[in-house]
PDB file of N, CA and C in Angstrom:
ATOM      1  N   MET A   1     -18.381 -24.656  35.376  1.00  0.00           N
ATOM      2  CA  MET A   1     -18.374 -23.070  35.081  1.00  0.00           C
ATOM      3  C   MET A   1     -16.711 -22.427  34.391  1.00  0.00           C
ATOM      4  N   LYS A   2     -15.792 -22.583  35.509  1.00  0.00           N
ATOM      5  CA  LYS A   2     -13.652 -22.553  35.137  1.00  0.00           C
ATOM      6  C   LYS A   2     -13.856 -23.017  33.880  1.00  0.00           C
ATOM      7  N   THR A   3     -13.928 -24.193  33.721  1.00  0.00           N
ATOM      8  CA  THR A   3     -13.552 -24.275  32.266  1.00  0.00           C
ATOM      9  C   THR A   3     -13.971 -23.850  31.141  1.00  0.00           C
ATOM     10  N   LEU A   4     -15.582 -23.809  31.327  1.00  0.00           N
ATOM     11  CA  LEU A   4     -16.054 -22.701  30.196  1.00  0.00           C
ATOM     12  C   LEU A   4     -15.354 -21.250  29.626  1.00  0.00           C
ATOM     13  N   HIS A   5     -14.990 -20.956  31.256  1.00  0.00           N
ATOM     14  CA  HIS A   5     -14.148 -19.835  30.911  1.00  0.00           C
ATOM     15  C   HIS A   5     -12.901 -20.266  30.171  1.00  0.00           C
ATOM     16  N   ILE A   6     -12.216 -20.507  30.485  1.00  0.00           N
ATOM     17  CA  ILE A   6     -11.203 -20.324  30.447  1.00  0.00           C
ATOM     18  C   ILE A   6     -11.353 -21.364  28.251  1.00  0.00           C
ATOM     19  N   ILE A   7     -11.531 -21.614  27.844  1.00  0.00           N
ATOM     20  CA  ILE A   7     -12.675 -22.005  27.038  1.00  0.00           C
ATOM     21  C   ILE A   7     -12.164 -20.922  26.125  1.00  0.00           C
ATOM     22  N   LEU A   8     -13.883 -20.167  26.497  1.00  0.00           N
ATOM     23  CA  LEU A   8     -13.512 -18.862  25.950  1.00  0.00           C
ATOM     24  C   LEU A   8     -13.251 -18.092  25.769  1.00  0.00           C
ATOM     25  N   ARG A   9     -12.766 -17.710  26.833  1.00  0.00           N
ATOM     26  CA  ARG A   9     -10.896 -16.577  26.828  1.00  0.00           C
ATOM     27  C   ARG A   9     -10.440 -16.792  25.898  1.00  0.00           C
ATOM     28  N   GLU A  10     -10.042 -18.167  25.866  1.00  0.00           N
ATOM     29  CA  GLU A  10      -8.844 -18.973  25.121  1.00  0.00           C
ATOM     30  C   GLU A  10      -9.323 -18.967  23.413  1.00  0.00           C
ATOM     31  N   ILE A  11     -10.491 -18.980  23.407  1.00  0.00           N
ATOM     32  CA  ILE A  11     -11.106 -18.412  21.938  1.00  0.00           C
ATOM     33  C   ILE A  11     -11.350 -16.879  21.257  1.00  0.00           C
ATOM     34  N   LEU A  12     -11.492 -16.219  22.603  1.00  0.00           N
ATOM     35  CA  LEU A  12     -11.559 -14.905  22.233  1.00  0.00           C
ATOM     36  C   LEU A  12     -10.023 -13.976  21.730  1.00  0.00           C
ATOM     37  N   TYR A  13      -8.575 -15.336  22.675  1.00  0.00           N
ATOM     38  CA  TYR A  13      -7.633 -14.284  22.249  1.00  0.00           C
ATOM     39  C   TYR A  13      -7.211 -14.151  21.150  1.00  0.00           C
ATOM     40  N   ARG A  14      -7.349 -15.761  21.118  1.00  0.00           N
ATOM     41  CA  ARG A  14      -7.100 -17.062  19.556  1.00  0.00           C
ATOM     42  C   ARG A  14      -7.712 -15.358  18.063  1.00  0.00           C
ATOM     43  N   LEU A  15      -8.912 -15.190  18.309  1.00  0.00           N
ATOM     44  CA  LEU A  15      -9.589 -14.005  17.055  1.00  0.00           C
ATOM     45  C   LEU A  15      -8.912 -13.347  17.636  1.00  0.00           C
ATOM     46  N   LYS A  16      -8.748 -12.645  18.638  1.00  0.00           N
ATOM     47  CA  LYS A  16      -8.341 -10.894  18.719  1.00  0.00           C
ATOM     48  C   LYS A  16      -6.440 -11.360  17.418  1.00  0.00           C
ATOM     49  N   THR A  17      -6.262 -12.002  18.300  1.00  0.00           N
ATOM     50  CA  THR A  17      -4.674 -11.866  17.236  1.00  0.00           C
ATOM     51  C   THR A  17      -5.184 -12.517  16.196  1.00  0.00           C
ATOM     52  N   ASP A  18      -5.873 -13.656  15.801  1.00  0.00           N
ATOM     53  CA  ASP A  18      -6.211 -13.183  14.343  1.00  0.00           C
ATOM     54  C   ASP A  18      -6.371 -12.198  13.505  1.00  0.00           C
ATOM     55  N   PHE A  19      -7.461 -11.606  13.869  1.00  0.00           N
ATOM     56  CA  PHE A  19      -8.040  -9.984  14.110  1.00  0.00           C
ATOM     57  C   PHE A  19      -7.134  -9.252  12.860  1.00  0.00           C
ATOM     58  N   LYS A  20      -5.789  -9.359  14.266  1.00  0.00           N
ATOM     59  CA  LYS A  20      -5.273  -7.740  14.566  1.00  0.00           C
ATOM     60  C   LYS A  20      -3.756  -8.220  12.843  1.00  0.00           C
ATOM     61  N   ARG A  21      -3.800  -9.864  13.333  1.00  0.00           N
ATOM     62  CA  ARG A  21      -2.528 -10.110  12.439  1.00  0.00           C
ATOM     63  C   ARG A  21      -3.319 -10.061  11.302  1.00  0.00           C
ATOM     64  N   PHE A  22      -4.571 -10.156  10.366  1.00  0.00           N
ATOM     65  CA  PHE A  22      -5.327  -9.625   9.075  1.00  0.00           C
ATOM     66  C   PHE A  22      -5.418  -8.920   8.951  1.00  0.00           C
ATOM     67  N   ALA A  23      -5.442  -7.561   9.633  1.00  0.00           N
ATOM     68  CA  ALA A  23      -5.716  -6.053   9.897  1.00  0.00           C
ATOM     69  C   ALA A  23      -4.157  -5.862   9.651  1.00  0.00           C
ATOM     70  N   GLY A  24      -3.529  -5.951   9.661  1.00  0.00           N
ATOM     71  CA  GLY A  24      -1.528  -6.178   9.160  1.00  0.00           C
ATOM     72  C   GLY A  24      -1.532  -6.374   8.272  1.00  0.00           C
ATOM     73  N   ILE A  25      -1.738  -7.040   7.445  1.00  0.00           N
ATOM     74  CA  ILE A  25      -1.500  -7.689   6.936  1.00  0.00           C
ATOM     75  C   ILE A  25      -2.435  -6.715   5.388  1.00  0.00           C
ATOM     76  N   VAL A  26      -3.631  -6.774   5.450  1.00  0.00           N
ATOM     77  CA  VAL A  26      -4.814  -5.701   4.686  1.00  0.00           C
ATOM     78  C   VAL A  26      -3.448  -4.377   4.940  1.00  0.00           C
ATOM     79  N   LYS A  27      -3.172  -4.016   5.984  1.00  0.00           N
ATOM     80  CA  LYS A  27      -2.983  -2.464   6.200  1.00  0.00           C
ATOM     81  C   LYS A  27      -1.273  -2.649   4.837  1.00  0.00           C
ATOM     82  N   ASN A  28      -0.825  -3.525   4.921  1.00  0.00           N
ATOM     83  CA  ASN A  28       0.727  -3.495   3.949  1.00  0.00           C
ATOM     84  C   ASN A  28      -0.241  -3.560   3.570  1.00  0.00           C
ATOM     85  N   LYS A  29      -0.963  -4.247   2.228  1.00  0.00           N
ATOM     86  CA  LYS A  29      -1.170  -4.303   1.322  1.00  0.00           C
ATOM     87  C   LYS A  29      -0.999  -3.150   0.588  1.00  0.00           C
ATOM     88  N   ARG A  30      -2.199  -2.121   1.100  1.00  0.00           N
ATOM     89  CA  ARG A  30      -2.661  -1.357   1.348  1.00  0.00           C
ATOM     90  C   ARG A  30      -1.430   0.132   1.208  1.00  0.00           C
ATOM     91  N   GLU A  31      -0.630   0.206   2.059  1.00  0.00           N
ATOM     92  CA  GLU A  31       0.793   0.502   2.242  1.00  0.00           C
ATOM     93  C   GLU A  31       0.787   0.313   0.304  1.00  0.00           C
ATOM     94  N   ASN A  32       1.404  -1.127   0.573  1.00  0.00           N
ATOM     95  CA  ASN A  32       2.481  -1.061  -0.986  1.00  0.00           C
ATOM     96  C   ASN A  32       1.610  -0.550  -1.853  1.00  0.00           C
ATOM     97  N   ALA A  33       0.455  -0.349  -2.158  1.00  0.00           N
ATOM     98  CA  ALA A  33      -0.492  -0.448  -3.053  1.00  0.00           C
ATOM     99  C   ALA A  33      -0.161   1.265  -3.598  1.00  0.00           C
ATOM    100  N   VAL A  34      -0.746   1.546  -2.579  1.00  0.00           N
ATOM    101  CA  VAL A  34      -0.380   3.538  -2.407  1.00  0.00           C
ATOM    102  C   VAL A  34       0.755   3.945  -3.073  1.00  0.00           C
ATOM    103  N   LYS A  35       1.932   3.129  -2.543  1.00  0.00           N
ATOM    104  CA  LYS A  35       3.655   3.829  -2.690  1.00  0.00           C
ATOM    105  C   LYS A  35       3.750   3.038  -4.295  1.00  0.00           C
ATOM    106  N   ILE A  36       3.355   2.060  -5.254  1.00  0.00           N
ATOM    107  CA  ILE A  36       3.583   1.571  -6.231  1.00  0.00           C
ATOM    108  C   ILE A  36       2.673   2.409  -6.927  1.00  0.00           C
ATOM    109  N   LYS A  37       1.653   2.913  -6.687  1.00  0.00           N
ATOM    110  CA  LYS A  37       0.742   4.204  -7.147  1.00  0.00           C
ATOM    111  C   LYS A  37       1.967   5.221  -7.648  1.00  0.00           C
ATOM    112  N   GLY A  38       2.314   5.383  -6.693  1.00  0.00           N
ATOM    113  CA  GLY A  38       2.900   7.039  -6.326  1.00  0.00           C
ATOM    114  C   GLY A  38       4.334   7.065  -7.169  1.00  0.00           C
ATOM    115  N   GLU A  39       4.733   5.538  -7.276  1.00  0.00           N
ATOM    116  CA  GLU A  39       5.998   5.460  -8.112  1.00  0.00           C
ATOM    117  C   GLU A  39       5.187   5.553  -9.495  1.00  0.00           C
ATOM    118  N   LEU A  40       3.939   4.747 -10.191  1.00  0.00           N
ATOM    119  CA  LEU A  40       3.946   4.976 -11.182  1.00  0.00           C
ATOM    120  C   LEU A  40       3.418   6.014 -11.524  1.00  0.00           C
ATOM    121  N   TYR A  41       3.215   7.165 -10.779  1.00  0.00           N
ATOM    122  CA  TYR A  41       2.920   7.969 -11.089  1.00  0.00           C
ATOM    123  C   TYR A  41       3.996   8.916 -11.293  1.00  0.00           C
ATOM    124  N   SER A  42       4.778   9.154 -10.329  1.00  0.00           N
ATOM    125  CA  SER A  42       6.231  10.250 -10.628  1.00  0.00           C
ATOM    126  C   SER A  42       7.073   9.641 -12.019  1.00  0.00           C
ATOM    127  N   SER A  43       7.290   8.168 -12.197  1.00  0.00           N
ATOM    128  CA  SER A  43       7.440   8.305 -13.719  1.00  0.00           C
ATOM    129  C   SER A  43       7.118   8.346 -14.831  1.00  0.00           C
ATOM    130  N   GLU A  44       5.373   8.471 -14.803  1.00  0.00           N
ATOM    131  CA  GLU A  44       4.782   9.297 -15.243  1.00  0.00           C
ATOM    132  C   GLU A  44       4.964  10.027 -16.147  1.00  0.00           C
ATOM    133  N   SER A  45       5.375  11.197 -14.612  1.00  0.00           N
ATOM    134  CA  SER A  45       5.372  12.656 -14.632  1.00  0.00           C
ATOM    135  C   SER A  45       6.822  13.272 -15.325  1.00  0.00           C
ATOM    136  N   ASN A  46       7.389  12.002 -14.743  1.00  0.00           N
ATOM    137  CA  ASN A  46       9.029  12.159 -15.303  1.00  0.00           C
ATOM    138  C   ASN A  46       9.162  12.059 -16.844  1.00  0.00           C
ATOM    139  N   SER A  47       8.526  11.515 -16.921  1.00  0.00           N
ATOM    140  CA  SER A  47       8.384  10.718 -18.761  1.00  0.00           C
ATOM    141  C   SER A  47       8.338  12.071 -19.477  1.00  0.00           C
ATOM    142  N   LEU A  48       6.992  12.739 -18.825  1.00  0.00           N
ATOM    143  CA  LEU A  48       6.194  13.719 -19.874  1.00  0.00           C
ATOM    144  C   LEU A  48       7.078  14.805 -19.669  1.00  0.00           C
ATOM    145  N   LEU A  49       7.239  15.023 -18.036  1.00  0.00           N
ATOM    146  CA  LEU A  49       8.245  16.588 -18.880  1.00  0.00           C
ATOM    147  C   LEU A  49       9.651  16.211 -19.575  1.00  0.00           C
ATOM    148  N   PHE A  50      10.411  14.473 -19.676  1.00  0.00           N
ATOM    149  CA  PHE A  50      11.293  14.550 -20.380  1.00  0.00           C
ATOM    150  C   PHE A  50      10.898  14.988 -21.249  1.00  0.00           C
ATOM    151  N   GLN A  51       9.735  14.368 -21.824  1.00  0.00           N
ATOM    152  CA  GLN A  51       8.916  14.580 -23.791  1.00  0.00           C
ATOM    153  C   GLN A  51       8.807  15.566 -23.954  1.00  0.00           C
ATOM    154  N   MET A  52       8.600  16.737 -23.176  1.00  0.00           N
ATOM    155  CA  MET A  52       8.389  18.290 -22.836  1.00  0.00           C
ATOM    156  C   MET A  52       9.653  19.148 -23.663  1.00  0.00           C
ATOM    157  N   TYR A  53      10.149  18.296 -22.254  1.00  0.00           N
ATOM    158  CA  TYR A  53      11.657  19.103 -22.710  1.00  0.00           C
ATOM    159  C   TYR A  53      12.229  18.724 -24.240  1.00  0.00           C
ATOM    160  N   LEU A  54      11.911  17.649 -24.995  1.00  0.00           N
ATOM    161  CA  LEU A  54      12.622  17.453 -26.152  1.00  0.00           C
ATOM    162  C   LEU A  54      11.873  18.188 -26.803  1.00  0.00           C
ATOM    163  N   HIS A  55      10.391  17.852 -26.950  1.00  0.00           N
ATOM    164  CA  HIS A  55      10.134  19.110 -28.361  1.00  0.00           C
ATOM    165  C   HIS A  55       9.912  20.042 -27.494  1.00  0.00           C
ATOM    166  N   GLU A  56      10.471  20.898 -26.641  1.00  0.00           N
ATOM    167  CA  GLU A  56      11.029  22.768 -26.264  1.00  0.00           C
ATOM    168  C   GLU A  56      12.512  22.396 -27.686  1.00  0.00           C
ATOM    169  N   GLU A  57      13.541  21.667 -27.449  1.00  0.00           N
ATOM    170  CA  GLU A  57      14.319  21.308 -28.048  1.00  0.00           C
ATOM    171  C   GLU A  57      14.325  20.670 -29.062  1.00  0.00           C
ATOM    172  N   GLU A  58      13.439  21.100 -29.889  1.00  0.00           N
ATOM    173  CA  GLU A  58      12.599  20.459 -31.307  1.00  0.00           C
ATOM    174  C   GLU A  58      12.625  22.407 -31.634  1.00  0.00           C
ATOM    175  N   ASP A  59      11.983  23.097 -31.386  1.00  0.00           N
ATOM    176  CA  ASP A  59      11.660  24.401 -31.796  1.00  0.00           C
ATOM    177  C   ASP A  59      12.460  24.942 -31.613  1.00  0.00           C
ATOM    178  N   LEU A  60      13.095  25.165 -30.936  1.00  0.00           N
ATOM    179  CA  LEU A  60      15.052  25.698 -31.113  1.00  0.00           C
ATOM    180  C   LEU A  60      15.879  25.479 -31.874  1.00  0.00           C
ATOM    181  N   PHE A  61      15.765  24.392 -32.701  1.00  0.00           N
ATOM    182  CA  PHE A  61      16.469  24.248 -33.385  1.00  0.00           C
ATOM    183  C   PHE A  61      15.883  25.036 -34.997  1.00  0.00           C
ATOM    184  N   ILE A  62      14.437  24.693 -35.109  1.00  0.00           N
ATOM    185  CA  ILE A  62      13.974  25.245 -35.828  1.00  0.00           C
ATOM    186  C   ILE A  62      14.010  26.008 -36.374  1.00  0.00           C
TER     187      ILE A  62
END
């Protein structure tokens, strides 16, 4: 009975550590995806603002 308890405890310990490691990987992937989306959005916004600024200058010279 004691051997079974030791084996079960070891299995549960390994499952918990594997789950924590997997959850950490998923969290990092999600954070990286949010960061990339934010960078893309900010670069798109900057390019849109730059384009608007260029058009305003063109209107001034007409």
